[in-house]
Amino acid sequence: MPAARAVVHAGPSYVCPEQFVKISLNPGESREWVRTYKFQIN
């Protein structure tokens, strides 16, 4: 599911990416997804 907007919060000891998606649901409908992040430190 493509992101509609992305924001990254960071501090000295953390990085917190947030993905916002645009969805449209009718009453009683639901939708699920999983987003995985992989960070590599060189």
PDB file of N, CA and C in Angstrom:
ATOM      1  N   MET A   1       0.856  -1.163   0.000  1.00  0.00           N
ATOM      2  CA  MET A   1       0.000   0.000   0.000  1.00  0.00           C
ATOM      3  C   MET A   1       0.908   1.234   0.000  1.00  0.00           C
ATOM      4  N   PRO A   2       0.815   2.068  -0.985  1.00  0.00           N
ATOM      5  CA  PRO A   2       1.693   3.238  -1.038  1.00  0.00           C
ATOM      6  C   PRO A   2       1.358   4.258   0.052  1.00  0.00           C
ATOM      7  N   ALA A   3       2.378   4.922   0.508  1.00  0.00           N
ATOM      8  CA  ALA A   3       2.197   5.936   1.544  1.00  0.00           C
ATOM      9  C   ALA A   3       1.663   7.227   0.923  1.00  0.00           C
ATOM     10  N   ALA A   4       0.723   7.854   1.605  1.00  0.00           N
ATOM     11  CA  ALA A   4       0.223   9.160   1.184  1.00  0.00           C
ATOM     12  C   ALA A   4       1.129  10.256   1.716  1.00  0.00           C
ATOM     13  N   ARG A   5       1.787   9.946   2.845  1.00  0.00           N
ATOM     14  CA  ARG A   5       2.675  10.916   3.486  1.00  0.00           C
ATOM     15  C   ARG A   5       3.611  10.144   4.397  1.00  0.00           C
ATOM     16  N   ALA A   6       4.823  10.600   4.537  1.00  0.00           N
ATOM     17  CA  ALA A   6       5.786   9.968   5.429  1.00  0.00           C
ATOM     18  C   ALA A   6       6.438  11.033   6.295  1.00  0.00           C
ATOM     19  N   VAL A   7       6.660  10.686   7.559  1.00  0.00           N
ATOM     20  CA  VAL A   7       7.301  11.585   8.511  1.00  0.00           C
ATOM     21  C   VAL A   7       8.326  10.763   9.280  1.00  0.00           C
ATOM     22  N   VAL A   8       9.463  11.356   9.575  1.00  0.00           N
ATOM     23  CA  VAL A   8      10.479  10.688  10.386  1.00  0.00           C
ATOM     24  C   VAL A   8      10.794  11.567  11.592  1.00  0.00           C
ATOM     25  N   HIS A   9      10.613  11.000  12.778  1.00  0.00           N
ATOM     26  CA  HIS A   9      10.999  11.663  14.020  1.00  0.00           C
ATOM     27  C   HIS A   9      12.317  11.034  14.445  1.00  0.00           C
ATOM     28  N   ALA A  10      13.276  11.834  14.872  1.00  0.00           N
ATOM     29  CA  ALA A  10      14.560  11.282  15.292  1.00  0.00           C
ATOM     30  C   ALA A  10      15.108  12.067  16.469  1.00  0.00           C
ATOM     31  N   GLY A  11      15.823  11.357  17.295  1.00  0.00           N
ATOM     32  CA  GLY A  11      16.500  11.960  18.428  1.00  0.00           C
ATOM     33  C   GLY A  11      17.849  11.292  18.598  1.00  0.00           C
ATOM     34  N   PRO A  12      18.563  11.627  19.638  1.00  0.00           N
ATOM     35  CA  PRO A  12      19.901  11.060  19.834  1.00  0.00           C
ATOM     36  C   PRO A  12      19.916   9.528  19.934  1.00  0.00           C
ATOM     37  N   SER A  13      18.826   8.937  20.403  1.00  0.00           N
ATOM     38  CA  SER A  13      18.828   7.485  20.607  1.00  0.00           C
ATOM     39  C   SER A  13      17.686   6.760  19.902  1.00  0.00           C
ATOM     40  N   TYR A  14      16.985   7.420  18.975  1.00  0.00           N
ATOM     41  CA  TYR A  14      15.880   6.735  18.299  1.00  0.00           C
ATOM     42  C   TYR A  14      15.615   7.323  16.919  1.00  0.00           C
ATOM     43  N   VAL A  15      15.012   6.511  16.083  1.00  0.00           N
ATOM     44  CA  VAL A  15      14.471   6.931  14.785  1.00  0.00           C
ATOM     45  C   VAL A  15      13.084   6.321  14.696  1.00  0.00           C
ATOM     46  N   CYS A  16      12.097   7.135  14.372  1.00  0.00           N
ATOM     47  CA  CYS A  16      10.714   6.661  14.342  1.00  0.00           C
ATOM     48  C   CYS A  16      10.051   7.060  13.024  1.00  0.00           C
ATOM     49  N   PRO A  17      10.075   6.180  12.019  1.00  0.00           N
ATOM     50  CA  PRO A  17       9.393   6.503  10.766  1.00  0.00           C
ATOM     51  C   PRO A  17       7.891   6.263  10.893  1.00  0.00           C
ATOM     52  N   GLU A  18       7.113   7.145  10.332  1.00  0.00           N
ATOM     53  CA  GLU A  18       5.654   6.989  10.324  1.00  0.00           C
ATOM     54  C   GLU A  18       5.164   7.085   8.888  1.00  0.00           C
ATOM     55  N   GLN A  19       4.343   6.141   8.491  1.00  0.00           N
ATOM     56  CA  GLN A  19       3.737   6.134   7.166  1.00  0.00           C
ATOM     57  C   GLN A  19       2.236   6.374   7.325  1.00  0.00           C
ATOM     58  N   PHE A  20       1.698   7.293   6.565  1.00  0.00           N
ATOM     59  CA  PHE A  20       0.268   7.568   6.584  1.00  0.00           C
ATOM     60  C   PHE A  20      -0.305   7.118   5.249  1.00  0.00           C
ATOM     61  N   VAL A  21      -1.357   6.325   5.295  1.00  0.00           N
ATOM     62  CA  VAL A  21      -1.971   5.806   4.079  1.00  0.00           C
ATOM     63  C   VAL A  21      -3.392   6.337   3.962  1.00  0.00           C
ATOM     64  N   LYS A  22      -3.830   6.480   2.749  1.00  0.00           N
ATOM     65  CA  LYS A  22      -5.201   6.938   2.513  1.00  0.00           C
ATOM     66  C   LYS A  22      -6.053   5.718   2.186  1.00  0.00           C
ATOM     67  N   ILE A  23      -7.062   5.478   3.000  1.00  0.00           N
ATOM     68  CA  ILE A  23      -7.968   4.358   2.750  1.00  0.00           C
ATOM     69  C   ILE A  23      -9.410   4.856   2.797  1.00  0.00           C
ATOM     70  N   SER A  24     -10.261   4.124   2.139  1.00  0.00           N
ATOM     71  CA  SER A  24     -11.685   4.430   2.149  1.00  0.00           C
ATOM     72  C   SER A  24     -12.429   3.135   2.454  1.00  0.00           C
ATOM     73  N   LEU A  25     -13.197   3.146   3.538  1.00  0.00           N
ATOM     74  CA  LEU A  25     -13.939   1.954   3.951  1.00  0.00           C
ATOM     75  C   LEU A  25     -15.399   2.287   4.157  1.00  0.00           C
ATOM     76  N   ASN A  26     -16.219   1.346   3.808  1.00  0.00           N
ATOM     77  CA  ASN A  26     -17.640   1.457   4.102  1.00  0.00           C
ATOM     78  C   ASN A  26     -17.892   0.926   5.513  1.00  0.00           C
ATOM     79  N   PRO A  27     -18.997   1.297   6.146  1.00  0.00           N
ATOM     80  CA  PRO A  27     -19.310   0.771   7.476  1.00  0.00           C
ATOM     81  C   PRO A  27     -19.268  -0.756   7.483  1.00  0.00           C
ATOM     82  N   GLY A  28     -18.588  -1.315   8.476  1.00  0.00           N
ATOM     83  CA  GLY A  28     -18.486  -2.770   8.602  1.00  0.00           C
ATOM     84  C   GLY A  28     -17.288  -3.362   7.872  1.00  0.00           C
ATOM     85  N   GLU A  29     -16.616  -2.609   7.002  1.00  0.00           N
ATOM     86  CA  GLU A  29     -15.444  -3.113   6.292  1.00  0.00           C
ATOM     87  C   GLU A  29     -14.195  -2.906   7.140  1.00  0.00           C
ATOM     88  N   SER A  30     -13.193  -3.707   6.857  1.00  0.00           N
ATOM     89  CA  SER A  30     -11.907  -3.534   7.536  1.00  0.00           C
ATOM     90  C   SER A  30     -10.787  -3.811   6.536  1.00  0.00           C
ATOM     91  N   ARG A  31      -9.616  -3.371   6.887  1.00  0.00           N
ATOM     92  CA  ARG A  31      -8.447  -3.589   6.039  1.00  0.00           C
ATOM     93  C   ARG A  31      -7.242  -3.728   6.953  1.00  0.00           C
ATOM     94  N   GLU A  32      -6.354  -4.644   6.630  1.00  0.00           N
ATOM     95  CA  GLU A  32      -5.157  -4.872   7.427  1.00  0.00           C
ATOM     96  C   GLU A  32      -3.932  -4.823   6.533  1.00  0.00           C
ATOM     97  N   TRP A  33      -2.801  -4.394   7.114  1.00  0.00           N
ATOM     98  CA  TRP A  33      -1.546  -4.428   6.384  1.00  0.00           C
ATOM     99  C   TRP A  33      -0.408  -4.451   7.384  1.00  0.00           C
ATOM    100  N   VAL A  34       0.745  -4.801   6.889  1.00  0.00           N
ATOM    101  CA  VAL A  34       1.963  -4.841   7.694  1.00  0.00           C
ATOM    102  C   VAL A  34       3.029  -4.055   6.945  1.00  0.00           C
ATOM    103  N   ARG A  35       3.747  -3.227   7.640  1.00  0.00           N
ATOM    104  CA  ARG A  35       4.859  -2.490   7.046  1.00  0.00           C
ATOM    105  C   ARG A  35       6.110  -2.878   7.820  1.00  0.00           C
ATOM    106  N   THR A  36       7.160  -3.214   7.095  1.00  0.00           N
ATOM    107  CA  THR A  36       8.413  -3.652   7.707  1.00  0.00           C
ATOM    108  C   THR A  36       9.519  -2.665   7.358  1.00  0.00           C
ATOM    109  N   TYR A  37      10.319  -2.324   8.338  1.00  0.00           N
ATOM    110  CA  TYR A  37      11.455  -1.423   8.137  1.00  0.00           C
ATOM    111  C   TYR A  37      12.736  -2.211   8.392  1.00  0.00           C
ATOM    112  N   LYS A  38      13.723  -1.996   7.549  1.00  0.00           N
ATOM    113  CA  LYS A  38      15.040  -2.598   7.752  1.00  0.00           C
ATOM    114  C   LYS A  38      16.060  -1.475   7.770  1.00  0.00           C
ATOM    115  N   PHE A  39      16.822  -1.391   8.852  1.00  0.00           N
ATOM    116  CA  PHE A  39      17.852  -0.388   8.998  1.00  0.00           C
ATOM    117  C   PHE A  39      19.200  -1.079   9.002  1.00  0.00           C
ATOM    118  N   GLN A  40      20.120  -0.528   8.269  1.00  0.00           N
ATOM    119  CA  GLN A  40      21.470  -1.084   8.221  1.00  0.00           C
ATOM    120  C   GLN A  40      22.448  -0.022   8.689  1.00  0.00           C
ATOM    121  N   ILE A  41      23.261  -0.388   9.639  1.00  0.00           N
ATOM    122  CA  ILE A  41      24.277   0.527  10.161  1.00  0.00           C
ATOM    123  C   ILE A  41      25.619   0.066   9.602  1.00  0.00           C
ATOM    124  N   ASN A  42      26.283   0.953   8.926  1.00  0.00           N
ATOM    125  CA  ASN A  42      27.594   0.608   8.343  1.00  0.00           C
ATOM    126  C   ASN A  42      28.717   1.001   9.256  1.00  0.00           C
TER     127      ASN A  42
END
